[in-house]
Amino acid sequence: MPIRVAVPKESVAGERRVAVVPDMVSRLTKLGFEILIEKNAGVGAFHVDEAYEKANARLVNDAKTLCSDADVVVKVQPPTLDEVDLYHESTIVVSFMQPHRHPAEIAKLRDKKITTFAMELVPRITRAQSMDALSSQATVTGYKSVLLAANLCARFFPMLTTAAGTIRPAKVLILGAGVAGLQAIATARRLGAIVEAYDVRRAACEQVAMRVN
């Protein structure tokens, strides 16, 4: 009997992501897994139910039924206390667990003897590169943060010359030059701002210089 992987609809307010997209369903089914998708789980990320069905996923009406049939549950957000109640003892949960922020949920998972894998704690080493779920999300964070900053800024980011005079470009300071920070630097530069960045790591200097200059 194939291992059943369940993908519930995210229950946290404002969360539009989905843990598995239709293309990945096709890859997993070819490996012998059976994929169960809660109805409308991918709508917020623009993946309709028909696309999952075409990829050979099985649609399930509600989370309770979905999780009762699951061997593995994959999520984006950590499971809530109510969601943990739906899992049986042999369930494996894969998610961004953020254990330091959700001690009650982690304790409940422990008490039910549910095995969990925190994707954000996978070491960022060459051997585990294909499991790096943080870099893509950090890239989105860096990009979006600059767009939000530009929206809140009282002036234009780029230099603009008009008949009434010239508007000098905005000056942007990026604190931290990790994946998110480097993307923020690049995005602010593309918007025309004068960008400076700071990081405590001397090794980040070259990467910052490549994007600022």
N, C-alpha and C. Protein backbone atom coordinates (compact mmCIF):
# COMPACT_ATOMS: atom_id res chain seq x y z
N MET A 1 0.85 -1.20 0.00
CA MET A 1 0.00 0.00 0.00
C MET A 1 0.88 1.25 0.00
N PRO A 2 0.63 2.22 -0.89
CA PRO A 2 1.48 3.41 -0.98
C PRO A 2 1.36 4.30 0.26
N ILE A 3 2.43 5.03 0.53
CA ILE A 3 2.39 6.01 1.62
C ILE A 3 1.50 7.17 1.20
N ARG A 4 0.57 7.54 2.09
CA ARG A 4 -0.39 8.60 1.77
C ARG A 4 0.09 9.93 2.36
N VAL A 5 0.30 10.88 1.47
CA VAL A 5 0.77 12.21 1.86
C VAL A 5 -0.40 13.19 1.76
N ALA A 6 -0.73 13.82 2.89
CA ALA A 6 -1.89 14.72 2.94
C ALA A 6 -1.44 16.18 2.92
N VAL A 7 -2.15 16.98 2.14
CA VAL A 7 -1.86 18.42 2.04
C VAL A 7 -3.12 19.19 2.44
N PRO A 8 -3.21 19.63 3.69
CA PRO A 8 -4.40 20.38 4.12
C PRO A 8 -4.37 21.83 3.67
N LYS A 9 -5.52 22.45 3.67
CA LYS A 9 -5.60 23.89 3.43
C LYS A 9 -5.08 24.61 4.66
N GLU A 10 -4.23 25.61 4.44
CA GLU A 10 -3.65 26.34 5.57
C GLU A 10 -4.75 27.12 6.31
N SER A 11 -4.73 27.01 7.64
CA SER A 11 -5.80 27.60 8.45
C SER A 11 -5.43 28.95 9.06
N VAL A 12 -4.16 29.34 9.02
CA VAL A 12 -3.74 30.62 9.58
C VAL A 12 -4.24 31.76 8.70
N ALA A 13 -4.83 32.77 9.32
CA ALA A 13 -5.39 33.90 8.58
C ALA A 13 -4.32 34.58 7.72
N GLY A 14 -4.65 34.81 6.46
CA GLY A 14 -3.74 35.50 5.56
C GLY A 14 -2.73 34.60 4.86
N GLU A 15 -2.65 33.34 5.24
CA GLU A 15 -1.69 32.42 4.61
C GLU A 15 -2.26 31.90 3.30
N ARG A 16 -1.60 32.22 2.19
CA ARG A 16 -2.08 31.83 0.87
C ARG A 16 -1.27 30.71 0.24
N ARG A 17 -0.16 30.38 0.85
CA ARG A 17 0.71 29.35 0.28
C ARG A 17 0.11 27.95 0.47
N VAL A 18 0.64 27.02 -0.31
CA VAL A 18 0.24 25.62 -0.19
C VAL A 18 1.53 24.80 -0.20
N ALA A 19 1.54 23.72 0.56
CA ALA A 19 2.78 22.96 0.76
C ALA A 19 3.21 22.18 -0.49
N VAL A 20 2.26 21.78 -1.32
CA VAL A 20 2.58 20.98 -2.51
C VAL A 20 1.82 21.55 -3.70
N VAL A 21 2.52 21.81 -4.80
CA VAL A 21 1.89 22.32 -6.02
C VAL A 21 1.65 21.16 -6.97
N PRO A 22 0.79 21.33 -7.99
CA PRO A 22 0.47 20.23 -8.90
C PRO A 22 1.68 19.57 -9.55
N ASP A 23 2.68 20.35 -9.95
CA ASP A 23 3.87 19.75 -10.57
C ASP A 23 4.56 18.77 -9.63
N MET A 24 4.60 19.11 -8.36
CA MET A 24 5.22 18.23 -7.38
C MET A 24 4.38 16.98 -7.14
N VAL A 25 3.07 17.11 -7.27
CA VAL A 25 2.20 15.93 -7.13
C VAL A 25 2.58 14.88 -8.16
N SER A 26 2.78 15.31 -9.38
CA SER A 26 3.16 14.37 -10.45
C SER A 26 4.46 13.66 -10.12
N ARG A 27 5.43 14.40 -9.60
CA ARG A 27 6.72 13.81 -9.26
C ARG A 27 6.59 12.82 -8.12
N LEU A 28 5.78 13.15 -7.13
CA LEU A 28 5.63 12.28 -5.97
C LEU A 28 4.85 11.00 -6.30
N THR A 29 3.83 11.13 -7.14
CA THR A 29 3.07 9.94 -7.52
C THR A 29 3.91 8.98 -8.35
N LYS A 30 4.83 9.51 -9.15
CA LYS A 30 5.72 8.65 -9.92
C LYS A 30 6.68 7.89 -9.02
N LEU A 31 6.93 8.43 -7.82
CA LEU A 31 7.78 7.77 -6.84
C LEU A 31 7.01 6.76 -5.99
N GLY A 32 5.70 6.67 -6.22
CA GLY A 32 4.90 5.67 -5.52
C GLY A 32 4.05 6.19 -4.38
N PHE A 33 4.05 7.51 -4.14
CA PHE A 33 3.24 8.08 -3.07
C PHE A 33 1.81 8.33 -3.56
N GLU A 34 0.87 8.29 -2.65
CA GLU A 34 -0.50 8.70 -2.94
C GLU A 34 -0.71 10.06 -2.30
N ILE A 35 -1.14 11.04 -3.10
CA ILE A 35 -1.27 12.42 -2.62
C ILE A 35 -2.73 12.75 -2.40
N LEU A 36 -3.04 13.19 -1.18
CA LEU A 36 -4.39 13.60 -0.81
C LEU A 36 -4.38 15.11 -0.60
N ILE A 37 -5.30 15.82 -1.25
CA ILE A 37 -5.35 17.28 -1.18
C ILE A 37 -6.72 17.71 -0.66
N GLU A 38 -6.73 18.55 0.37
CA GLU A 38 -8.00 19.11 0.81
C GLU A 38 -8.52 20.07 -0.26
N LYS A 39 -9.81 20.03 -0.51
CA LYS A 39 -10.39 20.89 -1.54
C LYS A 39 -10.07 22.36 -1.28
N ASN A 40 -9.71 23.05 -2.34
CA ASN A 40 -9.38 24.48 -2.34
C ASN A 40 -8.10 24.80 -1.57
N ALA A 41 -7.29 23.79 -1.28
CA ALA A 41 -6.05 24.03 -0.55
C ALA A 41 -5.09 24.94 -1.32
N GLY A 42 -5.11 24.86 -2.64
CA GLY A 42 -4.16 25.64 -3.44
C GLY A 42 -4.71 26.89 -4.07
N VAL A 43 -5.98 27.20 -3.80
CA VAL A 43 -6.62 28.33 -4.49
C VAL A 43 -5.91 29.65 -4.20
N GLY A 44 -5.50 29.85 -2.94
CA GLY A 44 -4.83 31.10 -2.58
C GLY A 44 -3.51 31.29 -3.31
N ALA A 45 -2.90 30.19 -3.73
CA ALA A 45 -1.64 30.25 -4.49
C ALA A 45 -1.88 30.06 -5.98
N PHE A 46 -3.15 30.17 -6.40
CA PHE A 46 -3.54 30.09 -7.81
C PHE A 46 -3.37 28.70 -8.41
N HIS A 47 -3.56 27.68 -7.58
CA HIS A 47 -3.55 26.29 -8.05
C HIS A 47 -4.94 25.71 -7.78
N VAL A 48 -5.69 25.50 -8.84
CA VAL A 48 -7.07 25.06 -8.69
C VAL A 48 -7.14 23.55 -8.50
N ASP A 49 -8.27 23.09 -7.97
CA ASP A 49 -8.44 21.66 -7.70
C ASP A 49 -8.27 20.81 -8.95
N GLU A 50 -8.75 21.32 -10.09
CA GLU A 50 -8.66 20.54 -11.32
C GLU A 50 -7.21 20.23 -11.70
N ALA A 51 -6.30 21.16 -11.39
CA ALA A 51 -4.89 20.93 -11.70
C ALA A 51 -4.32 19.80 -10.84
N TYR A 52 -4.76 19.72 -9.59
CA TYR A 52 -4.32 18.63 -8.71
C TYR A 52 -4.89 17.29 -9.19
N GLU A 53 -6.15 17.30 -9.58
CA GLU A 53 -6.76 16.06 -10.07
C GLU A 53 -6.06 15.57 -11.34
N LYS A 54 -5.71 16.51 -12.21
CA LYS A 54 -5.02 16.15 -13.44
C LYS A 54 -3.66 15.55 -13.15
N ALA A 55 -3.06 15.96 -12.01
CA ALA A 55 -1.75 15.43 -11.61
C ALA A 55 -1.88 14.14 -10.80
N ASN A 56 -3.11 13.61 -10.72
CA ASN A 56 -3.38 12.34 -10.03
C ASN A 56 -3.44 12.44 -8.51
N ALA A 57 -3.75 13.63 -7.98
CA ALA A 57 -4.02 13.75 -6.55
C ALA A 57 -5.48 13.41 -6.29
N ARG A 58 -5.76 12.98 -5.06
CA ARG A 58 -7.14 12.68 -4.67
C ARG A 58 -7.65 13.81 -3.78
N LEU A 59 -8.76 14.43 -4.19
CA LEU A 59 -9.33 15.53 -3.42
C LEU A 59 -10.15 15.00 -2.26
N VAL A 60 -10.03 15.66 -1.11
CA VAL A 60 -10.76 15.28 0.10
C VAL A 60 -11.53 16.50 0.60
N ASN A 61 -12.75 16.29 1.06
CA ASN A 61 -13.64 17.41 1.39
C ASN A 61 -13.21 18.23 2.60
N ASP A 62 -12.69 17.59 3.64
CA ASP A 62 -12.40 18.32 4.87
C ASP A 62 -11.11 17.81 5.51
N ALA A 63 -10.57 18.63 6.42
CA ALA A 63 -9.28 18.33 7.04
C ALA A 63 -9.35 17.08 7.93
N LYS A 64 -10.48 16.87 8.61
CA LYS A 64 -10.60 15.72 9.50
C LYS A 64 -10.48 14.41 8.74
N THR A 65 -11.19 14.31 7.64
CA THR A 65 -11.12 13.11 6.81
C THR A 65 -9.74 12.97 6.20
N LEU A 66 -9.19 14.10 5.76
CA LEU A 66 -7.87 14.09 5.13
C LEU A 66 -6.81 13.52 6.08
N CYS A 67 -6.77 14.03 7.29
CA CYS A 67 -5.72 13.64 8.23
C CYS A 67 -5.93 12.25 8.80
N SER A 68 -7.17 11.80 8.86
CA SER A 68 -7.42 10.45 9.38
C SER A 68 -6.87 9.38 8.44
N ASP A 69 -6.73 9.72 7.17
CA ASP A 69 -6.22 8.77 6.18
C ASP A 69 -4.72 8.94 5.90
N ALA A 70 -4.08 9.92 6.55
CA ALA A 70 -2.73 10.31 6.16
C ALA A 70 -1.64 9.56 6.93
N ASP A 71 -0.58 9.22 6.22
CA ASP A 71 0.65 8.75 6.86
C ASP A 71 1.59 9.92 7.12
N VAL A 72 1.59 10.88 6.18
CA VAL A 72 2.43 12.07 6.28
C VAL A 72 1.56 13.29 6.01
N VAL A 73 1.70 14.31 6.84
CA VAL A 73 1.00 15.59 6.61
C VAL A 73 2.06 16.64 6.32
N VAL A 74 1.91 17.34 5.21
CA VAL A 74 2.85 18.41 4.87
C VAL A 74 2.10 19.74 4.87
N LYS A 75 2.71 20.74 5.54
CA LYS A 75 2.08 22.04 5.69
C LYS A 75 3.11 23.14 5.48
N VAL A 76 2.63 24.37 5.41
CA VAL A 76 3.50 25.53 5.42
C VAL A 76 3.64 26.04 6.85
N GLN A 77 2.52 26.43 7.45
CA GLN A 77 2.51 26.92 8.82
C GLN A 77 2.51 25.75 9.81
N PRO A 78 3.02 25.96 11.03
CA PRO A 78 2.97 24.89 12.04
C PRO A 78 1.52 24.49 12.32
N PRO A 79 1.28 23.23 12.66
CA PRO A 79 -0.09 22.82 12.97
C PRO A 79 -0.60 23.51 14.22
N THR A 80 -1.87 23.87 14.21
CA THR A 80 -2.50 24.45 15.39
C THR A 80 -2.86 23.33 16.37
N LEU A 81 -3.27 23.72 17.57
CA LEU A 81 -3.67 22.73 18.57
C LEU A 81 -4.84 21.90 18.05
N ASP A 82 -5.79 22.54 17.38
CA ASP A 82 -6.94 21.81 16.83
C ASP A 82 -6.50 20.85 15.74
N GLU A 83 -5.53 21.26 14.93
CA GLU A 83 -5.06 20.38 13.86
C GLU A 83 -4.31 19.18 14.43
N VAL A 84 -3.56 19.39 15.50
CA VAL A 84 -2.84 18.27 16.13
C VAL A 84 -3.83 17.20 16.60
N ASP A 85 -5.00 17.63 17.05
CA ASP A 85 -6.03 16.68 17.49
C ASP A 85 -6.45 15.73 16.37
N LEU A 86 -6.28 16.14 15.13
CA LEU A 86 -6.72 15.33 13.99
C LEU A 86 -5.70 14.24 13.63
N TYR A 87 -4.46 14.37 14.13
CA TYR A 87 -3.42 13.43 13.73
C TYR A 87 -3.43 12.20 14.63
N HIS A 88 -3.14 11.04 14.06
CA HIS A 88 -3.00 9.84 14.87
C HIS A 88 -1.52 9.62 15.20
N GLU A 89 -1.24 8.72 16.08
CA GLU A 89 0.10 8.58 16.66
C GLU A 89 1.20 8.33 15.64
N SER A 90 0.91 7.62 14.60
CA SER A 90 1.95 7.26 13.63
C SER A 90 2.14 8.32 12.54
N THR A 91 1.41 9.42 12.63
CA THR A 91 1.52 10.46 11.62
C THR A 91 2.90 11.13 11.66
N ILE A 92 3.41 11.48 10.49
CA ILE A 92 4.63 12.28 10.36
C ILE A 92 4.21 13.65 9.82
N VAL A 93 4.67 14.72 10.47
CA VAL A 93 4.31 16.07 10.06
C VAL A 93 5.57 16.79 9.58
N VAL A 94 5.48 17.36 8.38
CA VAL A 94 6.59 18.13 7.81
C VAL A 94 6.10 19.55 7.57
N SER A 95 6.81 20.53 8.16
CA SER A 95 6.33 21.91 8.09
C SER A 95 7.43 22.86 8.55
N PHE A 96 7.18 24.16 8.41
CA PHE A 96 7.97 25.14 9.15
C PHE A 96 7.42 25.12 10.57
N MET A 97 8.10 24.48 11.49
CA MET A 97 7.54 24.24 12.81
C MET A 97 7.70 25.42 13.77
N GLN A 98 8.80 26.20 13.66
CA GLN A 98 9.04 27.33 14.56
C GLN A 98 8.79 26.94 16.03
N PRO A 99 9.50 25.93 16.53
CA PRO A 99 9.19 25.38 17.85
C PRO A 99 9.30 26.38 18.99
N HIS A 100 10.21 27.36 18.87
CA HIS A 100 10.38 28.34 19.95
C HIS A 100 9.19 29.29 20.05
N ARG A 101 8.40 29.39 18.99
CA ARG A 101 7.23 30.28 19.00
C ARG A 101 5.93 29.53 19.30
N HIS A 102 5.98 28.21 19.25
CA HIS A 102 4.76 27.42 19.44
C HIS A 102 5.00 26.28 20.43
N PRO A 103 5.36 26.61 21.66
CA PRO A 103 5.68 25.56 22.64
C PRO A 103 4.51 24.66 22.98
N ALA A 104 3.30 25.21 23.04
CA ALA A 104 2.14 24.39 23.38
C ALA A 104 1.87 23.36 22.29
N GLU A 105 1.96 23.78 21.04
CA GLU A 105 1.72 22.86 19.93
C GLU A 105 2.80 21.77 19.88
N ILE A 106 4.04 22.17 20.12
CA ILE A 106 5.15 21.20 20.10
C ILE A 106 4.97 20.19 21.23
N ALA A 107 4.57 20.67 22.40
CA ALA A 107 4.35 19.77 23.53
C ALA A 107 3.24 18.76 23.23
N LYS A 108 2.20 19.24 22.57
CA LYS A 108 1.09 18.34 22.24
C LYS A 108 1.50 17.30 21.20
N LEU A 109 2.28 17.71 20.23
CA LEU A 109 2.82 16.76 19.25
C LEU A 109 3.70 15.72 19.93
N ARG A 110 4.51 16.18 20.87
CA ARG A 110 5.37 15.26 21.63
C ARG A 110 4.53 14.26 22.42
N ASP A 111 3.51 14.76 23.11
CA ASP A 111 2.68 13.89 23.96
C ASP A 111 1.92 12.85 23.14
N LYS A 112 1.58 13.21 21.89
CA LYS A 112 0.89 12.26 21.03
C LYS A 112 1.86 11.36 20.26
N LYS A 113 3.17 11.56 20.53
CA LYS A 113 4.22 10.76 19.88
C LYS A 113 4.18 10.88 18.36
N ILE A 114 3.98 12.11 17.92
CA ILE A 114 3.94 12.39 16.48
C ILE A 114 5.32 12.87 16.04
N THR A 115 5.86 12.24 15.02
CA THR A 115 7.17 12.62 14.49
C THR A 115 7.03 13.88 13.64
N THR A 116 7.89 14.86 13.90
CA THR A 116 7.82 16.10 13.14
C THR A 116 9.19 16.46 12.56
N PHE A 117 9.15 17.11 11.40
CA PHE A 117 10.37 17.61 10.76
C PHE A 117 10.19 19.11 10.53
N ALA A 118 11.10 19.92 11.09
CA ALA A 118 11.05 21.37 10.94
C ALA A 118 11.93 21.77 9.76
N MET A 119 11.32 22.19 8.66
CA MET A 119 12.07 22.49 7.46
C MET A 119 13.05 23.64 7.64
N GLU A 120 12.71 24.58 8.54
CA GLU A 120 13.61 25.72 8.74
C GLU A 120 14.87 25.33 9.52
N LEU A 121 14.88 24.14 10.11
CA LEU A 121 16.05 23.70 10.88
C LEU A 121 16.94 22.72 10.10
N VAL A 122 16.59 22.44 8.86
CA VAL A 122 17.47 21.59 8.03
C VAL A 122 18.77 22.34 7.79
N PRO A 123 19.92 21.76 8.08
CA PRO A 123 21.20 22.47 7.90
C PRO A 123 21.39 22.92 6.45
N ARG A 124 21.88 24.13 6.28
CA ARG A 124 22.11 24.66 4.94
C ARG A 124 23.50 24.24 4.48
N ILE A 125 23.61 22.97 4.11
CA ILE A 125 24.85 22.40 3.63
C ILE A 125 24.62 21.84 2.23
N THR A 126 25.71 21.57 1.52
CA THR A 126 25.59 21.10 0.14
C THR A 126 24.76 19.83 0.04
N ARG A 127 24.97 18.92 0.96
CA ARG A 127 24.27 17.65 0.92
C ARG A 127 22.76 17.81 1.05
N ALA A 128 22.33 18.85 1.77
CA ALA A 128 20.90 19.07 2.01
C ALA A 128 20.35 20.22 1.18
N GLN A 129 21.06 20.62 0.14
CA GLN A 129 20.65 21.80 -0.63
C GLN A 129 19.26 21.65 -1.24
N SER A 130 18.93 20.45 -1.68
CA SER A 130 17.61 20.25 -2.30
C SER A 130 16.47 20.37 -1.29
N MET A 131 16.81 20.39 0.01
CA MET A 131 15.79 20.52 1.05
C MET A 131 15.75 21.92 1.64
N ASP A 132 16.48 22.86 1.03
CA ASP A 132 16.54 24.24 1.52
C ASP A 132 15.23 24.95 1.18
N ALA A 133 14.34 25.00 2.16
CA ALA A 133 13.05 25.66 1.95
C ALA A 133 13.08 27.11 2.38
N LEU A 134 14.14 27.53 3.05
CA LEU A 134 14.20 28.89 3.58
C LEU A 134 14.63 29.92 2.54
N SER A 135 15.56 29.55 1.66
CA SER A 135 16.12 30.54 0.74
C SER A 135 15.06 31.15 -0.17
N SER A 136 14.18 30.32 -0.70
CA SER A 136 13.14 30.84 -1.59
C SER A 136 12.21 31.80 -0.85
N GLN A 137 11.86 31.45 0.40
CA GLN A 137 10.96 32.29 1.16
C GLN A 137 11.65 33.58 1.60
N ALA A 138 12.95 33.49 1.91
CA ALA A 138 13.71 34.69 2.28
C ALA A 138 13.82 35.64 1.09
N THR A 139 13.96 35.08 -0.11
CA THR A 139 14.01 35.91 -1.32
C THR A 139 12.72 36.70 -1.48
N VAL A 140 11.60 36.03 -1.29
CA VAL A 140 10.30 36.70 -1.37
C VAL A 140 10.21 37.79 -0.31
N THR A 141 10.67 37.48 0.90
CA THR A 141 10.62 38.45 2.00
C THR A 141 11.42 39.70 1.69
N GLY A 142 12.65 39.51 1.18
CA GLY A 142 13.48 40.65 0.85
C GLY A 142 12.87 41.53 -0.23
N TYR A 143 12.31 40.89 -1.24
CA TYR A 143 11.67 41.62 -2.35
C TYR A 143 10.44 42.40 -1.86
N LYS A 144 9.58 41.70 -1.13
CA LYS A 144 8.32 42.31 -0.70
C LYS A 144 8.57 43.42 0.32
N SER A 145 9.57 43.26 1.18
CA SER A 145 9.83 44.27 2.20
C SER A 145 10.17 45.62 1.58
N VAL A 146 10.91 45.59 0.47
CA VAL A 146 11.27 46.84 -0.19
C VAL A 146 10.05 47.47 -0.87
N LEU A 147 9.19 46.65 -1.44
CA LEU A 147 7.97 47.19 -2.04
C LEU A 147 7.09 47.86 -0.99
N LEU A 148 7.00 47.22 0.18
CA LEU A 148 6.21 47.81 1.27
C LEU A 148 6.86 49.11 1.75
N ALA A 149 8.20 49.12 1.85
CA ALA A 149 8.91 50.33 2.27
C ALA A 149 8.70 51.46 1.27
N ALA A 150 8.75 51.13 -0.01
CA ALA A 150 8.55 52.15 -1.05
C ALA A 150 7.14 52.72 -0.97
N ASN A 151 6.18 51.88 -0.64
CA ASN A 151 4.80 52.33 -0.53
C ASN A 151 4.62 53.28 0.66
N LEU A 152 5.36 53.02 1.74
CA LEU A 152 5.24 53.84 2.94
C LEU A 152 6.13 55.07 2.92
N CYS A 153 7.12 55.06 2.06
CA CYS A 153 8.07 56.17 2.01
C CYS A 153 7.38 57.45 1.54
N ALA A 154 7.79 58.56 2.10
CA ALA A 154 7.16 59.85 1.76
C ALA A 154 7.70 60.45 0.46
N ARG A 155 8.68 59.77 -0.15
CA ARG A 155 9.24 60.29 -1.40
C ARG A 155 9.43 59.16 -2.39
N PHE A 156 9.69 59.54 -3.66
CA PHE A 156 9.98 58.54 -4.68
C PHE A 156 11.31 57.84 -4.37
N PHE A 157 11.43 56.58 -4.75
CA PHE A 157 12.72 55.91 -4.63
C PHE A 157 13.70 56.40 -5.71
N PRO A 158 13.31 56.48 -6.98
CA PRO A 158 14.29 56.91 -8.01
C PRO A 158 14.41 58.43 -8.08
N MET A 159 15.49 58.88 -8.72
CA MET A 159 15.63 60.31 -9.01
C MET A 159 14.70 60.65 -10.17
N LEU A 160 13.95 61.73 -10.01
CA LEU A 160 13.02 62.15 -11.07
C LEU A 160 13.28 63.62 -11.40
N THR A 161 13.34 63.90 -12.69
CA THR A 161 13.50 65.29 -13.14
C THR A 161 12.22 65.73 -13.82
N THR A 162 11.67 66.81 -13.31
CA THR A 162 10.41 67.33 -13.85
C THR A 162 10.59 68.81 -14.19
N ALA A 163 9.56 69.39 -14.78
CA ALA A 163 9.60 70.82 -15.10
C ALA A 163 9.70 71.66 -13.84
N ALA A 164 9.23 71.10 -12.72
CA ALA A 164 9.28 71.85 -11.47
C ALA A 164 10.61 71.67 -10.73
N GLY A 165 11.46 70.80 -11.25
CA GLY A 165 12.75 70.59 -10.59
C GLY A 165 13.10 69.12 -10.49
N THR A 166 14.21 68.84 -9.84
CA THR A 166 14.69 67.47 -9.70
C THR A 166 14.45 66.94 -8.29
N ILE A 167 13.94 65.72 -8.22
CA ILE A 167 13.74 65.05 -6.94
C ILE A 167 14.87 64.06 -6.74
N ARG A 168 15.62 64.23 -5.67
CA ARG A 168 16.74 63.36 -5.41
C ARG A 168 16.24 61.96 -5.01
N PRO A 169 17.02 60.91 -5.33
CA PRO A 169 16.58 59.55 -4.99
C PRO A 169 16.57 59.32 -3.49
N ALA A 170 15.72 58.41 -3.06
CA ALA A 170 15.65 58.05 -1.65
C ALA A 170 16.91 57.29 -1.26
N LYS A 171 17.27 57.39 0.01
CA LYS A 171 18.39 56.63 0.56
C LYS A 171 17.84 55.49 1.41
N VAL A 172 18.30 54.27 1.12
CA VAL A 172 17.79 53.08 1.79
C VAL A 172 18.93 52.38 2.50
N LEU A 173 18.70 52.02 3.77
CA LEU A 173 19.67 51.25 4.54
C LEU A 173 19.11 49.86 4.80
N ILE A 174 19.84 48.84 4.38
CA ILE A 174 19.45 47.45 4.60
C ILE A 174 20.29 46.89 5.74
N LEU A 175 19.64 46.40 6.77
CA LEU A 175 20.34 45.81 7.91
C LEU A 175 20.31 44.29 7.77
N GLY A 176 21.48 43.72 7.55
CA GLY A 176 21.57 42.28 7.35
C GLY A 176 21.71 41.95 5.88
N ALA A 177 22.66 41.12 5.54
CA ALA A 177 22.92 40.79 4.13
C ALA A 177 22.90 39.29 3.92
N GLY A 178 21.88 38.66 4.48
CA GLY A 178 21.64 37.26 4.18
C GLY A 178 20.86 37.17 2.87
N VAL A 179 20.16 36.07 2.67
CA VAL A 179 19.39 35.90 1.43
C VAL A 179 18.35 37.00 1.28
N ALA A 180 17.60 37.27 2.35
CA ALA A 180 16.56 38.31 2.30
C ALA A 180 17.19 39.68 2.09
N GLY A 181 18.26 39.97 2.81
CA GLY A 181 18.90 41.27 2.70
C GLY A 181 19.47 41.53 1.33
N LEU A 182 20.10 40.53 0.72
CA LEU A 182 20.67 40.70 -0.62
C LEU A 182 19.59 40.95 -1.65
N GLN A 183 18.45 40.26 -1.49
CA GLN A 183 17.34 40.50 -2.42
C GLN A 183 16.76 41.89 -2.21
N ALA A 184 16.71 42.34 -0.95
CA ALA A 184 16.21 43.68 -0.66
C ALA A 184 17.13 44.74 -1.28
N ILE A 185 18.44 44.52 -1.19
CA ILE A 185 19.39 45.45 -1.80
C ILE A 185 19.15 45.54 -3.30
N ALA A 186 19.05 44.38 -3.95
CA ALA A 186 18.87 44.35 -5.40
C ALA A 186 17.56 45.02 -5.81
N THR A 187 16.51 44.78 -5.05
CA THR A 187 15.20 45.35 -5.38
C THR A 187 15.20 46.87 -5.21
N ALA A 188 15.79 47.35 -4.11
CA ALA A 188 15.86 48.80 -3.89
C ALA A 188 16.68 49.49 -4.97
N ARG A 189 17.76 48.83 -5.40
CA ARG A 189 18.58 49.38 -6.48
C ARG A 189 17.79 49.45 -7.78
N ARG A 190 17.04 48.39 -8.06
CA ARG A 190 16.24 48.39 -9.30
C ARG A 190 15.18 49.48 -9.27
N LEU A 191 14.71 49.84 -8.09
CA LEU A 191 13.73 50.91 -7.98
C LEU A 191 14.36 52.29 -8.03
N GLY A 192 15.70 52.33 -8.06
CA GLY A 192 16.38 53.60 -8.24
C GLY A 192 16.87 54.28 -6.98
N ALA A 193 16.80 53.61 -5.83
CA ALA A 193 17.24 54.21 -4.58
C ALA A 193 18.76 54.14 -4.44
N ILE A 194 19.30 55.02 -3.60
CA ILE A 194 20.71 54.92 -3.19
C ILE A 194 20.74 53.98 -2.00
N VAL A 195 21.50 52.90 -2.10
CA VAL A 195 21.41 51.82 -1.12
C VAL A 195 22.72 51.64 -0.37
N GLU A 196 22.60 51.51 0.93
CA GLU A 196 23.70 51.11 1.79
C GLU A 196 23.24 49.90 2.59
N ALA A 197 24.19 49.05 2.96
CA ALA A 197 23.83 47.84 3.70
C ALA A 197 24.86 47.57 4.77
N TYR A 198 24.41 46.88 5.81
CA TYR A 198 25.29 46.56 6.94
C TYR A 198 25.07 45.11 7.35
N ASP A 199 26.16 44.45 7.67
CA ASP A 199 26.08 43.09 8.21
C ASP A 199 27.27 42.88 9.15
N VAL A 200 27.06 42.13 10.20
CA VAL A 200 28.15 41.88 11.16
C VAL A 200 29.19 40.92 10.59
N ARG A 201 28.84 40.21 9.52
CA ARG A 201 29.76 39.23 8.95
C ARG A 201 30.65 39.90 7.90
N ARG A 202 31.95 39.86 8.12
CA ARG A 202 32.88 40.44 7.15
C ARG A 202 32.78 39.74 5.79
N ALA A 203 32.44 38.45 5.81
CA ALA A 203 32.34 37.69 4.57
C ALA A 203 31.24 38.20 3.65
N ALA A 204 30.28 38.94 4.22
CA ALA A 204 29.18 39.45 3.41
C ALA A 204 29.57 40.71 2.62
N CYS A 205 30.72 41.27 2.92
CA CYS A 205 31.12 42.55 2.32
C CYS A 205 31.13 42.48 0.78
N GLU A 206 31.74 41.44 0.24
CA GLU A 206 31.85 41.32 -1.20
C GLU A 206 30.49 41.19 -1.87
N GLN A 207 29.60 40.39 -1.26
CA GLN A 207 28.27 40.22 -1.84
C GLN A 207 27.49 41.51 -1.81
N VAL A 208 27.61 42.27 -0.72
CA VAL A 208 26.93 43.55 -0.62
C VAL A 208 27.46 44.52 -1.67
N ALA A 209 28.79 44.58 -1.82
CA ALA A 209 29.41 45.50 -2.77
C ALA A 209 28.96 45.22 -4.20
N MET A 210 28.80 43.93 -4.53
CA MET A 210 28.38 43.56 -5.88
C MET A 210 26.99 44.07 -6.20
N ARG A 211 26.13 44.19 -5.18
CA ARG A 211 24.75 44.60 -5.42
C ARG A 211 24.52 46.09 -5.22
N VAL A 212 25.33 46.71 -4.36
CA VAL A 212 25.17 48.13 -4.09
C VAL A 212 25.81 48.97 -5.18
N ASN A 213 26.97 48.55 -5.66
CA ASN A 213 27.71 49.36 -6.64
C ASN A 213 27.22 49.12 -8.06
